[in-house]
Each structure stands twice: as structure tokens, then as C-alpha cells.
C-alpha atoms as a PDB file:
ATOM      1  CA  MET A   1       0.000  -0.002   0.016  1.00  0.00           C
ATOM      2  CA  LEU A   2       2.752   2.418   0.935  1.00  0.00           C
ATOM      3  CA  GLY A   3       4.497   1.748  -2.475  1.00  0.00           C
ATOM      4  CA  ALA A   4       1.163   2.419  -4.349  1.00  0.00           C
ATOM      5  CA  ILE A   5       0.975   5.749  -2.514  1.00  0.00           C
ATOM      6  CA  ALA A   6       4.625   6.745  -3.304  1.00  0.00           C
ATOM      7  CA  VAL A   7       4.115   6.046  -6.892  1.00  0.00           C
ATOM      8  CA  LEU A   8       0.952   8.112  -6.809  1.00  0.00           C
ATOM      9  CA  MET A   9       2.844  11.022  -5.233  1.00  0.00           C
ATOM     10  CA  ALA A  10       5.613  10.966  -7.677  1.00  0.00           C
ATOM     11  CA  SER A  11       3.248  10.778 -10.700  1.00  0.00           C
ATOM     12  CA  ILE A  12       1.533  13.848  -9.343  1.00  0.00           C
ATOM     13  CA  LEU A  13       4.417  15.671  -8.261  1.00  0.00           C
ATOM     14  CA  TRP A  14       6.590  14.938 -11.358  1.00  0.00           C
ATOM     15  CA  PRO A  15       4.472  14.418 -14.332  1.00  0.00           C
ATOM     16  CA  THR A  16       7.172  13.439 -16.737  1.00  0.00           C
ATOM     17  CA  ILE A  17       7.670  10.272 -14.614  1.00  0.00           C
ATOM     18  CA  ALA A  18       3.951   9.197 -15.552  1.00  0.00           C
ATOM     19  CA  ALA A  19       4.733  10.171 -19.047  1.00  0.00           C
ATOM     20  CA  ALA A  20       4.082   7.252 -21.919  1.00  0.00           C
ATOM     21  CA  HIS A  21       7.073   6.058 -23.748  1.00  0.00           C
ATOM     22  CA  ASN A  22       6.994   6.061 -27.577  1.00  0.00           C
ATOM     23  CA  VAL A  23       7.927   3.917 -30.285  1.00  0.00           C
ATOM     24  CA  SER A  24      11.246   5.025 -32.061  1.00  0.00           C
ATOM     25  CA  LYS A  25      10.681   5.798 -36.090  1.00  0.00           C
ATOM     26  CA  ARG A  26      12.932   3.046 -36.795  1.00  0.00           C
ATOM     27  CA  ASP A  27      10.986   0.359 -34.668  1.00  0.00           C
ATOM     28  CA  ALA A  28       7.593   1.889 -36.097  1.00  0.00           C
ATOM     29  CA  SER A  29       9.010   1.533 -39.793  1.00  0.00           C
ATOM     30  CA  PHE A  30       9.686  -2.270 -39.097  1.00  0.00           C
ATOM     31  CA  VAL A  31       6.546  -3.028 -37.620  1.00  0.00           C
ATOM     32  CA  GLN A  32       4.557  -1.382 -40.542  1.00  0.00           C
ATOM     33  CA  SER A  33       6.867  -2.893 -43.154  1.00  0.00           C
ATOM     34  CA  ASN A  34       6.732  -6.581 -41.547  1.00  0.00           C
ATOM     35  CA  ARG A  35       4.724  -8.966 -43.611  1.00  0.00           C
ATOM     36  CA  GLY A  36       5.502 -12.420 -41.723  1.00  0.00           C
ATOM     37  CA  ALA A  37       6.550 -14.215 -39.023  1.00  0.00           C
ATOM     38  CA  ALA A  38       9.328 -12.212 -37.086  1.00  0.00           C
ATOM     39  CA  ILE A  39       9.312 -13.736 -33.548  1.00  0.00           C
ATOM     40  CA  GLY A  40      13.041 -12.805 -32.839  1.00  0.00           C
ATOM     41  CA  PRO A  41      12.856  -9.198 -33.748  1.00  0.00           C
ATOM     42  CA  PHE A  42       9.371  -8.744 -32.100  1.00  0.00           C
ATOM     43  CA  LEU A  43      10.809 -10.308 -28.816  1.00  0.00           C
ATOM     44  CA  TYR A  44      13.662  -7.839 -28.981  1.00  0.00           C
ATOM     45  CA  LEU A  45      10.962  -4.879 -29.515  1.00  0.00           C
ATOM     46  CA  GLY A  46       9.201  -6.216 -26.621  1.00  0.00           C
ATOM     47  CA  ALA A  47      12.075  -6.395 -24.401  1.00  0.00           C
ATOM     48  CA  LYS A  48      13.108  -3.001 -25.188  1.00  0.00           C
ATOM     49  CA  HIS A  49       9.830  -1.578 -24.410  1.00  0.00           C
ATOM     50  CA  MET A  50       9.948  -3.144 -21.047  1.00  0.00           C
ATOM     51  CA  VAL A  51      13.024  -1.602 -20.116  1.00  0.00           C
ATOM     52  CA  THR A  52      12.604   2.016 -21.568  1.00  0.00           C
ATOM     53  CA  GLY A  53       9.077   2.867 -20.225  1.00  0.00           C
ATOM     54  CA  TYR A  54       8.605   4.097 -16.729  1.00  0.00           C
ATOM     55  CA  ASP A  55       5.400   2.155 -16.332  1.00  0.00           C
ATOM     56  CA  HIS A  56       7.094  -1.044 -16.854  1.00  0.00           C
ATOM     57  CA  ILE A  57       9.788  -0.072 -14.613  1.00  0.00           C
ATOM     58  CA  LEU A  58       7.715   0.715 -11.683  1.00  0.00           C
ATOM     59  CA  PHE A  59       5.671  -2.481 -12.739  1.00  0.00           C
ATOM     60  CA  LEU A  60       8.954  -4.515 -12.151  1.00  0.00           C
ATOM     61  CA  VAL A  61       9.977  -2.728  -9.102  1.00  0.00           C
ATOM     62  CA  GLY A  62       6.661  -3.412  -7.562  1.00  0.00           C
ATOM     63  CA  VAL A  63       6.881  -7.179  -8.428  1.00  0.00           C
ATOM     64  CA  ILE A  64      10.441  -7.393  -7.176  1.00  0.00           C
ATOM     65  CA  PHE A  65      10.542  -5.726  -4.099  1.00  0.00           C
ATOM     66  CA  PHE A  66       6.771  -5.459  -2.985  1.00  0.00           C
ATOM     67  CA  LEU A  67       5.033  -8.953  -3.730  1.00  0.00           C
ATOM     68  CA  TYR A  68       6.117 -12.392  -1.889  1.00  0.00           C
ATOM     69  CA  ARG A  69       3.074 -14.694  -2.583  1.00  0.00           C
ATOM     70  CA  LEU A  70       2.339 -16.172  -5.940  1.00  0.00           C
ATOM     71  CA  LYS A  71      -1.289 -15.266  -5.740  1.00  0.00           C
ATOM     72  CA  ASP A  72      -0.224 -11.497  -5.387  1.00  0.00           C
ATOM     73  CA  ILE A  73       1.909 -11.555  -8.337  1.00  0.00           C
ATOM     74  CA  VAL A  74      -0.384 -13.266 -10.585  1.00  0.00           C
ATOM     75  CA  GLN A  75      -3.179 -10.622  -9.451  1.00  0.00           C
ATOM     76  CA  TYR A  76      -0.563  -7.709  -9.975  1.00  0.00           C
ATOM     77  CA  VAL A  77       0.536  -8.824 -13.233  1.00  0.00           C
ATOM     78  CA  SER A  78      -3.013  -9.703 -14.531  1.00  0.00           C
ATOM     79  CA  LEU A  79      -4.370  -6.241 -13.662  1.00  0.00           C
ATOM     80  CA  PHE A  80      -1.345  -4.604 -15.112  1.00  0.00           C
ATOM     81  CA  THR A  81      -1.850  -6.497 -18.476  1.00  0.00           C
ATOM     82  CA  LEU A  82      -5.771  -5.710 -18.336  1.00  0.00           C
ATOM     83  CA  GLY A  83      -5.090  -2.099 -17.657  1.00  0.00           C
ATOM     84  CA  HIS A  84      -2.149  -1.750 -20.349  1.00  0.00           C
ATOM     85  CA  SER A  85      -4.336  -3.702 -22.977  1.00  0.00           C
ATOM     86  CA  THR A  86      -7.409  -1.734 -22.538  1.00  0.00           C
ATOM     87  CA  THR A  87      -5.362   1.656 -22.890  1.00  0.00           C
ATOM     88  CA  LEU A  88      -3.638   0.388 -26.121  1.00  0.00           C
ATOM     89  CA  LEU A  89      -6.910  -1.015 -27.479  1.00  0.00           C
ATOM     90  CA  LEU A  90      -8.717   2.427 -26.806  1.00  0.00           C
ATOM     91  CA  GLY A  91      -6.006   4.144 -28.631  1.00  0.00           C
ATOM     92  CA  VAL A  92      -6.027   1.757 -31.566  1.00  0.00           C
ATOM     93  CA  PHE A  93      -9.652   1.005 -31.959  1.00  0.00           C
ATOM     94  CA  GLY A  94     -11.135   3.710 -29.970  1.00  0.00           C
ATOM     95  CA  HIS A  95      -9.175   6.552 -31.597  1.00  0.00           C
ATOM     96  CA  VAL A  96      -8.413   7.843 -27.991  1.00  0.00           C
ATOM     97  CA  ARG A  97      -5.584  10.181 -28.138  1.00  0.00           C
ATOM     98  CA  ALA A  98      -3.602  11.681 -25.279  1.00  0.00           C
ATOM     99  CA  ASN A  99      -1.944  15.181 -25.302  1.00  0.00           C
ATOM    100  CA  PRO A 100       1.620  14.638 -24.803  1.00  0.00           C
END
């Protein structure tokens, strides 16, 4: 609970911490031009996405330092995935845009 309050306060006091991270133009052009299976490159892009976004870094810190029981880890990972997927789907299919 204390960790969640600290993250909330940090995102209020320093809004740039809560900023989303973008895909580089080079990575975007690769994704758009891809026409087949590219498991290796997409795994690399996923890993790169995980270590360059503040939301993912905070997620990993939460899992590593604050969760001890498997049930809590599964719940935390599931809720993060649901929230992240919802915002991505709203952005892509719902045309919801955030003002950077």
C-alpha cells in the first residue's frame, strides 16, 4: 500500500515520470513493413519496450520488491496487463488520443 501511495505521489509531483513512452521511428517502420513471422525481432522490441518505459520499470519494481506470494504476483500481473491492454486498444480502435 505504501508503495502505491509513493508512486501516486511521484506521478502527481513529477508528471514526466508518468509520461508514456513512444516507439522510435525506426522500430515503427519495421513493424509497419513487416509481412511475416518475425518472432525474434518482436521479442527484442518487447524487451526494449519493457526497459524503456517508466510504467514497466515501476511495474517490475513492484513485483520484485513488494510482492512475495504467488497469488499476489498473478493478481498484480493480470491487472497491469488488463489496464495496459485496455489503454492500447482504446488508442488503436477507439481513437482515444493523449495530449503529450
